[in-house]
């Protein structure tokens, strides 16, 4: 069945949290293939116990109530946007980002320079590169990108 946009809802229970964490691991492995998978696996508990609970997280669910993607915001920081690898390219990421833009007048994010698909995605959605830095945890170069509502 086709996913429905009205299924974009706030994260609300442990089952959804499990699905979000699974999407985060799968998406990190795919999009951040240049970083050892063990790095991401070491951060699963922190993601589940700290990062997701402290953020405003919206999930995209299909008509079978399966979580296909999520976006997490911390104030004006877009902390995470991940779509299940088998659902990428279907517009879910764009819909999640549209939701964040409805909720905020300004967004900032960091994205790994080597994650060229994500860099292109954010540029397509009006984000601009403001700075280049090195992530102190991975030693990978990343862009700081911003979007402002006009």
N, C-alpha and C. Protein backbone atom coordinates (compact mmCIF):
# COMPACT_ATOMS: atom_id res chain seq x y z
N UNK A 1 0.83 -1.20 0.00
CA UNK A 1 0.00 0.00 0.00
C UNK A 1 0.87 1.25 0.00
N UNK A 2 0.33 2.30 -0.52
CA UNK A 2 1.02 3.60 -0.59
C UNK A 2 1.06 4.28 0.77
N UNK A 3 2.24 4.84 1.16
CA UNK A 3 2.29 5.60 2.41
C UNK A 3 1.43 6.86 2.32
N UNK A 4 1.00 7.34 3.45
CA UNK A 4 0.17 8.54 3.51
C UNK A 4 0.90 9.63 4.28
N UNK A 5 0.85 10.84 3.77
CA UNK A 5 1.51 11.96 4.43
C UNK A 5 0.91 12.22 5.81
N UNK A 6 -0.37 11.95 6.00
CA UNK A 6 -0.98 12.22 7.30
C UNK A 6 -0.45 11.29 8.38
N UNK A 7 0.32 10.32 8.00
CA UNK A 7 0.93 9.42 8.98
C UNK A 7 2.23 9.99 9.53
N UNK A 8 2.52 11.25 9.22
CA UNK A 8 3.69 11.92 9.78
C UNK A 8 3.29 12.41 11.16
N UNK A 9 3.77 11.71 12.17
CA UNK A 9 3.30 11.96 13.54
C UNK A 9 4.49 12.01 14.50
N UNK A 10 4.28 12.62 15.68
CA UNK A 10 5.35 12.61 16.69
C UNK A 10 5.62 11.18 17.18
N UNK A 11 6.87 10.90 17.47
CA UNK A 11 7.26 9.63 18.06
C UNK A 11 6.54 9.48 19.39
N UNK A 12 5.92 8.31 19.64
CA UNK A 12 5.10 8.22 20.85
C UNK A 12 5.24 6.95 21.66
N UNK A 13 5.95 5.93 21.18
CA UNK A 13 6.01 4.71 21.99
C UNK A 13 7.29 3.92 21.74
N UNK A 14 7.51 2.90 22.56
CA UNK A 14 8.74 2.11 22.53
C UNK A 14 8.90 1.34 21.21
N UNK A 15 7.82 0.84 20.65
CA UNK A 15 7.89 0.11 19.38
C UNK A 15 8.39 1.04 18.28
N UNK A 16 7.84 2.24 18.25
CA UNK A 16 8.30 3.22 17.25
C UNK A 16 9.77 3.58 17.48
N UNK A 17 10.16 3.71 18.75
CA UNK A 17 11.56 4.02 19.06
C UNK A 17 12.47 2.91 18.55
N UNK A 18 12.08 1.66 18.72
CA UNK A 18 12.87 0.53 18.20
C UNK A 18 13.01 0.63 16.68
N UNK A 19 11.92 0.97 16.00
CA UNK A 19 11.97 1.10 14.54
C UNK A 19 12.86 2.27 14.11
N UNK A 20 12.79 3.38 14.85
CA UNK A 20 13.63 4.54 14.56
C UNK A 20 15.11 4.19 14.71
N UNK A 21 15.46 3.51 15.79
CA UNK A 21 16.86 3.14 16.01
C UNK A 21 17.33 2.18 14.92
N UNK A 22 16.48 1.24 14.52
CA UNK A 22 16.85 0.31 13.44
C UNK A 22 17.09 1.06 12.13
N UNK A 23 16.25 2.04 11.83
CA UNK A 23 16.44 2.85 10.62
C UNK A 23 17.72 3.66 10.73
N UNK A 24 18.00 4.20 11.91
CA UNK A 24 19.23 4.98 12.12
C UNK A 24 20.46 4.12 11.86
N UNK A 25 20.48 2.89 12.38
CA UNK A 25 21.64 2.00 12.16
C UNK A 25 21.76 1.65 10.67
N UNK A 26 20.67 1.25 10.05
CA UNK A 26 20.72 0.87 8.63
C UNK A 26 21.11 2.06 7.76
N UNK A 27 20.55 3.23 8.08
CA UNK A 27 20.87 4.42 7.31
C UNK A 27 22.30 4.88 7.52
N UNK A 28 22.78 4.77 8.75
CA UNK A 28 24.17 5.15 9.03
C UNK A 28 25.14 4.23 8.30
N UNK A 29 24.84 2.95 8.29
CA UNK A 29 25.70 1.99 7.59
C UNK A 29 25.76 2.29 6.09
N UNK A 30 24.62 2.66 5.52
CA UNK A 30 24.55 2.95 4.08
C UNK A 30 25.15 4.31 3.74
N UNK A 31 24.69 5.35 4.42
CA UNK A 31 25.11 6.72 4.08
C UNK A 31 26.51 7.06 4.57
N UNK A 32 26.92 6.41 5.65
CA UNK A 32 28.23 6.70 6.26
C UNK A 32 29.14 5.50 6.13
N UNK A 33 29.14 4.89 4.97
CA UNK A 33 29.94 3.69 4.70
C UNK A 33 31.43 3.90 4.94
N UNK A 34 31.87 5.14 4.97
CA UNK A 34 33.27 5.49 5.18
C UNK A 34 33.65 5.50 6.66
N UNK A 35 32.67 5.25 7.54
CA UNK A 35 32.92 5.15 8.98
C UNK A 35 32.59 3.72 9.40
N UNK A 36 33.47 3.11 10.18
CA UNK A 36 33.30 1.74 10.60
C UNK A 36 31.95 1.53 11.29
N UNK A 37 31.24 0.47 10.94
CA UNK A 37 29.92 0.18 11.50
C UNK A 37 29.97 0.07 13.02
N UNK A 38 31.07 -0.42 13.56
CA UNK A 38 31.20 -0.54 15.01
C UNK A 38 31.01 0.80 15.72
N UNK A 39 31.43 1.88 15.08
CA UNK A 39 31.24 3.21 15.66
C UNK A 39 29.76 3.46 15.93
N UNK A 40 28.93 3.17 14.93
CA UNK A 40 27.49 3.41 15.07
C UNK A 40 26.88 2.44 16.08
N UNK A 41 27.30 1.19 16.05
CA UNK A 41 26.76 0.21 16.98
C UNK A 41 27.08 0.56 18.43
N UNK A 42 28.22 1.18 18.67
CA UNK A 42 28.59 1.61 20.02
C UNK A 42 27.69 2.74 20.53
N UNK A 43 26.97 3.40 19.63
CA UNK A 43 26.13 4.53 20.02
C UNK A 43 24.62 4.23 20.04
N UNK A 44 24.27 2.97 19.87
CA UNK A 44 22.85 2.60 19.85
C UNK A 44 22.15 2.96 21.15
N UNK A 45 22.74 2.61 22.29
CA UNK A 45 22.09 2.90 23.58
C UNK A 45 21.94 4.40 23.81
N UNK A 46 22.97 5.16 23.47
CA UNK A 46 22.87 6.62 23.63
C UNK A 46 21.78 7.18 22.72
N UNK A 47 21.68 6.64 21.53
CA UNK A 47 20.63 7.09 20.61
C UNK A 47 19.26 6.80 21.22
N UNK A 48 19.10 5.59 21.74
CA UNK A 48 17.81 5.15 22.30
C UNK A 48 17.49 5.85 23.63
N UNK A 49 18.47 6.03 24.48
CA UNK A 49 18.23 6.52 25.83
C UNK A 49 18.41 8.03 26.00
N UNK A 50 19.22 8.66 25.13
CA UNK A 50 19.54 10.08 25.32
C UNK A 50 19.09 10.93 24.13
N UNK A 51 19.69 10.68 22.95
CA UNK A 51 19.50 11.59 21.82
C UNK A 51 18.06 11.67 21.33
N UNK A 52 17.44 10.55 21.08
CA UNK A 52 16.05 10.58 20.60
C UNK A 52 15.10 11.14 21.66
N UNK A 53 15.17 10.66 22.91
CA UNK A 53 14.26 11.22 23.92
C UNK A 53 14.43 12.73 24.16
N UNK A 54 15.63 13.26 23.95
CA UNK A 54 15.85 14.69 24.18
C UNK A 54 15.49 15.54 22.97
N UNK A 55 15.10 14.92 21.88
CA UNK A 55 14.78 15.68 20.68
C UNK A 55 13.28 15.64 20.39
N UNK A 56 12.88 16.49 19.50
CA UNK A 56 11.51 16.47 18.97
C UNK A 56 11.58 15.62 17.70
N UNK A 57 11.05 14.41 17.78
CA UNK A 57 11.18 13.46 16.67
C UNK A 57 9.84 13.20 16.03
N UNK A 58 9.82 13.33 14.71
CA UNK A 58 8.64 13.05 13.90
C UNK A 58 8.94 11.84 13.03
N UNK A 59 7.95 10.96 12.91
CA UNK A 59 8.14 9.75 12.13
C UNK A 59 7.18 9.72 10.95
N UNK A 60 7.61 9.06 9.90
CA UNK A 60 6.78 8.85 8.72
C UNK A 60 6.38 7.39 8.71
N UNK A 61 5.09 7.13 8.77
CA UNK A 61 4.59 5.76 8.80
C UNK A 61 3.81 5.45 7.53
N UNK A 62 3.91 4.19 7.10
CA UNK A 62 3.13 3.78 5.93
C UNK A 62 1.73 3.35 6.37
N UNK A 63 0.94 2.92 5.42
CA UNK A 63 -0.45 2.56 5.72
C UNK A 63 -0.55 1.32 6.61
N UNK A 64 0.53 0.55 6.72
CA UNK A 64 0.54 -0.61 7.62
C UNK A 64 1.11 -0.23 9.00
N UNK A 65 1.30 1.06 9.22
CA UNK A 65 1.81 1.60 10.48
C UNK A 65 3.29 1.30 10.72
N UNK A 66 4.02 0.97 9.68
CA UNK A 66 5.46 0.72 9.80
C UNK A 66 6.20 2.05 9.63
N UNK A 67 7.16 2.30 10.51
CA UNK A 67 7.97 3.51 10.43
C UNK A 67 8.94 3.36 9.26
N UNK A 68 8.92 4.35 8.35
CA UNK A 68 9.80 4.33 7.17
C UNK A 68 10.89 5.39 7.25
N UNK A 69 10.72 6.37 8.15
CA UNK A 69 11.72 7.42 8.27
C UNK A 69 11.43 8.29 9.46
N UNK A 70 12.42 9.12 9.82
CA UNK A 70 12.23 10.02 10.96
C UNK A 70 13.12 11.24 10.81
N UNK A 71 12.72 12.29 11.51
CA UNK A 71 13.51 13.50 11.60
C UNK A 71 13.50 13.94 13.06
N UNK A 72 14.68 14.32 13.56
CA UNK A 72 14.81 14.76 14.96
C UNK A 72 15.34 16.18 14.98
N UNK A 73 14.67 17.03 15.76
CA UNK A 73 15.04 18.42 15.90
C UNK A 73 15.39 18.72 17.36
N UNK A 74 16.44 19.50 17.55
CA UNK A 74 16.79 20.01 18.87
C UNK A 74 16.89 21.52 18.71
N UNK A 75 15.86 22.21 19.19
CA UNK A 75 15.72 23.64 18.95
C UNK A 75 15.74 23.88 17.43
N UNK A 76 16.72 24.64 16.93
CA UNK A 76 16.77 24.89 15.48
C UNK A 76 17.78 23.99 14.78
N UNK A 77 18.28 22.99 15.49
CA UNK A 77 19.24 22.06 14.90
C UNK A 77 18.50 20.84 14.36
N UNK A 78 18.75 20.54 13.09
CA UNK A 78 18.24 19.31 12.51
C UNK A 78 19.28 18.25 12.88
N UNK A 79 18.97 17.47 13.91
CA UNK A 79 19.93 16.53 14.47
C UNK A 79 20.03 15.24 13.65
N UNK A 80 18.91 14.77 13.10
CA UNK A 80 18.90 13.52 12.33
C UNK A 80 17.76 13.53 11.33
N UNK A 81 18.04 13.00 10.16
CA UNK A 81 17.00 12.72 9.17
C UNK A 81 17.44 11.43 8.49
N UNK A 82 16.67 10.38 8.71
CA UNK A 82 16.99 9.08 8.12
C UNK A 82 15.73 8.45 7.55
N UNK A 83 15.90 7.80 6.41
CA UNK A 83 14.83 7.05 5.75
C UNK A 83 15.33 5.62 5.59
N UNK A 84 14.45 4.68 5.83
CA UNK A 84 14.80 3.27 5.66
C UNK A 84 15.43 3.09 4.28
N UNK A 85 16.58 2.40 4.19
CA UNK A 85 17.24 2.26 2.88
C UNK A 85 16.34 1.74 1.77
N UNK A 86 15.40 0.84 2.08
CA UNK A 86 14.52 0.31 1.03
C UNK A 86 13.41 1.28 0.65
N UNK A 87 13.27 2.40 1.36
CA UNK A 87 12.24 3.39 1.03
C UNK A 87 12.85 4.70 0.51
N UNK A 88 14.17 4.74 0.39
CA UNK A 88 14.82 5.97 -0.09
C UNK A 88 14.45 6.24 -1.55
N UNK A 89 14.40 7.52 -1.87
CA UNK A 89 14.04 7.93 -3.23
C UNK A 89 12.55 8.01 -3.47
N UNK A 90 11.75 7.83 -2.43
CA UNK A 90 10.29 7.84 -2.58
C UNK A 90 9.65 9.14 -2.10
N UNK A 91 10.48 10.12 -1.71
CA UNK A 91 9.95 11.41 -1.27
C UNK A 91 9.74 11.53 0.23
N UNK A 92 10.03 10.47 0.98
CA UNK A 92 9.81 10.50 2.43
C UNK A 92 10.74 11.52 3.09
N UNK A 93 12.00 11.53 2.71
CA UNK A 93 12.94 12.49 3.29
C UNK A 93 12.49 13.92 3.04
N UNK A 94 12.01 14.19 1.83
CA UNK A 94 11.51 15.53 1.50
C UNK A 94 10.31 15.89 2.34
N UNK A 95 9.41 14.95 2.55
CA UNK A 95 8.22 15.22 3.38
C UNK A 95 8.61 15.48 4.82
N UNK A 96 9.56 14.72 5.33
CA UNK A 96 10.03 14.95 6.70
C UNK A 96 10.67 16.33 6.82
N UNK A 97 11.48 16.69 5.84
CA UNK A 97 12.13 17.99 5.88
C UNK A 97 11.12 19.12 5.75
N UNK A 98 10.08 18.94 4.94
CA UNK A 98 9.01 19.93 4.84
C UNK A 98 8.34 20.15 6.20
N UNK A 99 8.17 19.06 6.95
CA UNK A 99 7.57 19.17 8.29
C UNK A 99 8.46 20.03 9.19
N UNK A 100 9.77 19.78 9.15
CA UNK A 100 10.70 20.57 9.97
C UNK A 100 10.64 22.04 9.58
N UNK A 101 10.52 22.32 8.30
CA UNK A 101 10.45 23.71 7.83
C UNK A 101 9.14 24.37 8.25
N UNK A 102 8.08 23.59 8.40
CA UNK A 102 6.82 24.14 8.92
C UNK A 102 6.96 24.54 10.38
N UNK A 103 7.77 23.79 11.10
CA UNK A 103 7.92 23.98 12.55
C UNK A 103 8.95 25.03 12.94
N UNK A 104 9.87 25.34 12.06
CA UNK A 104 10.98 26.25 12.39
C UNK A 104 11.15 27.31 11.30
N UNK A 105 11.70 28.47 11.69
CA UNK A 105 12.04 29.52 10.73
C UNK A 105 13.50 29.44 10.29
N UNK A 106 14.28 28.68 11.04
CA UNK A 106 15.71 28.52 10.76
C UNK A 106 16.11 27.10 11.13
N UNK A 107 16.94 26.48 10.31
CA UNK A 107 17.48 25.16 10.62
C UNK A 107 18.96 25.13 10.31
N UNK A 108 19.71 24.47 11.16
CA UNK A 108 21.13 24.22 10.92
C UNK A 108 21.41 22.74 11.10
N UNK A 109 22.40 22.24 10.39
CA UNK A 109 22.74 20.82 10.47
C UNK A 109 24.19 20.61 10.10
N UNK A 110 24.71 19.47 10.48
CA UNK A 110 26.01 19.05 9.98
C UNK A 110 25.81 17.78 9.17
N UNK A 111 26.60 17.68 8.11
CA UNK A 111 26.53 16.52 7.22
C UNK A 111 27.95 16.22 6.77
N UNK A 112 28.29 14.93 6.75
CA UNK A 112 29.63 14.55 6.30
C UNK A 112 29.83 14.93 4.84
N UNK A 113 30.98 15.51 4.54
CA UNK A 113 31.32 15.90 3.17
C UNK A 113 31.24 14.69 2.23
N UNK A 114 31.66 13.53 2.72
CA UNK A 114 31.65 12.31 1.88
C UNK A 114 30.24 11.77 1.64
N UNK A 115 29.26 12.26 2.38
CA UNK A 115 27.87 11.84 2.19
C UNK A 115 27.26 12.73 1.10
N UNK A 116 27.74 12.55 -0.11
CA UNK A 116 27.39 13.45 -1.21
C UNK A 116 25.90 13.43 -1.54
N UNK A 117 25.24 12.29 -1.37
CA UNK A 117 23.80 12.25 -1.63
C UNK A 117 23.05 13.17 -0.68
N UNK A 118 23.43 13.16 0.59
CA UNK A 118 22.77 14.03 1.58
C UNK A 118 23.09 15.49 1.32
N UNK A 119 24.34 15.79 0.99
CA UNK A 119 24.72 17.18 0.69
C UNK A 119 23.86 17.70 -0.46
N UNK A 120 23.73 16.91 -1.51
CA UNK A 120 22.91 17.30 -2.67
C UNK A 120 21.44 17.47 -2.26
N UNK A 121 20.93 16.54 -1.45
CA UNK A 121 19.55 16.61 -0.97
C UNK A 121 19.29 17.92 -0.23
N UNK A 122 20.16 18.27 0.69
CA UNK A 122 19.95 19.49 1.47
C UNK A 122 20.08 20.74 0.60
N UNK A 123 21.03 20.74 -0.32
CA UNK A 123 21.14 21.88 -1.25
C UNK A 123 19.87 22.03 -2.08
N UNK A 124 19.34 20.92 -2.56
CA UNK A 124 18.10 20.93 -3.35
C UNK A 124 16.95 21.53 -2.55
N UNK A 125 17.00 21.39 -1.23
CA UNK A 125 15.94 21.89 -0.36
C UNK A 125 16.28 23.25 0.27
N UNK A 126 17.23 23.96 -0.33
CA UNK A 126 17.47 25.35 0.06
C UNK A 126 18.52 25.57 1.14
N UNK A 127 19.21 24.53 1.56
CA UNK A 127 20.28 24.70 2.55
C UNK A 127 21.55 25.17 1.85
N UNK A 128 22.32 25.98 2.55
CA UNK A 128 23.60 26.45 2.01
C UNK A 128 24.70 26.08 3.00
N UNK A 129 25.88 25.86 2.44
CA UNK A 129 27.05 25.53 3.26
C UNK A 129 27.59 26.81 3.86
N UNK A 130 27.71 26.83 5.19
CA UNK A 130 28.24 28.00 5.89
C UNK A 130 29.66 27.78 6.38
N UNK A 131 30.03 26.51 6.61
CA UNK A 131 31.34 26.24 7.21
C UNK A 131 31.72 24.79 6.94
N UNK A 132 33.00 24.52 7.02
CA UNK A 132 33.53 23.16 6.94
C UNK A 132 34.31 22.92 8.22
N UNK A 133 34.08 21.78 8.85
CA UNK A 133 34.74 21.44 10.11
C UNK A 133 35.15 19.97 10.09
N UNK A 134 35.78 19.55 11.16
CA UNK A 134 36.11 18.13 11.34
C UNK A 134 35.35 17.62 12.55
N UNK A 135 34.61 16.53 12.37
CA UNK A 135 33.89 15.89 13.47
C UNK A 135 34.94 15.28 14.41
N UNK A 136 34.96 15.77 15.64
CA UNK A 136 36.00 15.32 16.58
C UNK A 136 35.87 13.84 16.94
N UNK A 137 34.67 13.25 16.80
CA UNK A 137 34.48 11.84 17.13
C UNK A 137 34.95 10.89 16.02
N UNK A 138 34.77 11.29 14.77
CA UNK A 138 35.10 10.40 13.65
C UNK A 138 36.32 10.88 12.86
N UNK A 139 36.72 12.11 13.08
CA UNK A 139 37.80 12.76 12.32
C UNK A 139 37.45 12.93 10.84
N UNK A 140 36.17 12.89 10.54
CA UNK A 140 35.69 13.09 9.17
C UNK A 140 35.30 14.55 8.98
N UNK A 141 35.56 15.05 7.78
CA UNK A 141 35.20 16.42 7.44
C UNK A 141 33.68 16.50 7.27
N UNK A 142 33.09 17.60 7.76
CA UNK A 142 31.65 17.78 7.63
C UNK A 142 31.35 19.24 7.31
N UNK A 143 30.19 19.43 6.66
CA UNK A 143 29.70 20.78 6.39
C UNK A 143 28.71 21.16 7.47
N UNK A 144 28.71 22.46 7.79
CA UNK A 144 27.62 23.03 8.58
C UNK A 144 26.75 23.76 7.56
N UNK A 145 25.50 23.35 7.46
CA UNK A 145 24.57 23.92 6.47
C UNK A 145 23.40 24.58 7.18
N UNK A 146 22.86 25.61 6.57
CA UNK A 146 21.73 26.32 7.16
C UNK A 146 20.62 26.57 6.13
N UNK A 147 19.42 26.71 6.66
CA UNK A 147 18.25 27.10 5.87
C UNK A 147 17.51 28.15 6.68
N UNK A 148 17.03 29.17 6.00
CA UNK A 148 16.22 30.22 6.61
C UNK A 148 14.94 30.41 5.82
N UNK A 149 13.83 30.51 6.55
CA UNK A 149 12.55 30.79 5.89
C UNK A 149 12.58 32.22 5.39
N UNK A 150 12.17 32.43 4.17
CA UNK A 150 12.17 33.80 3.60
C UNK A 150 10.86 34.51 3.83
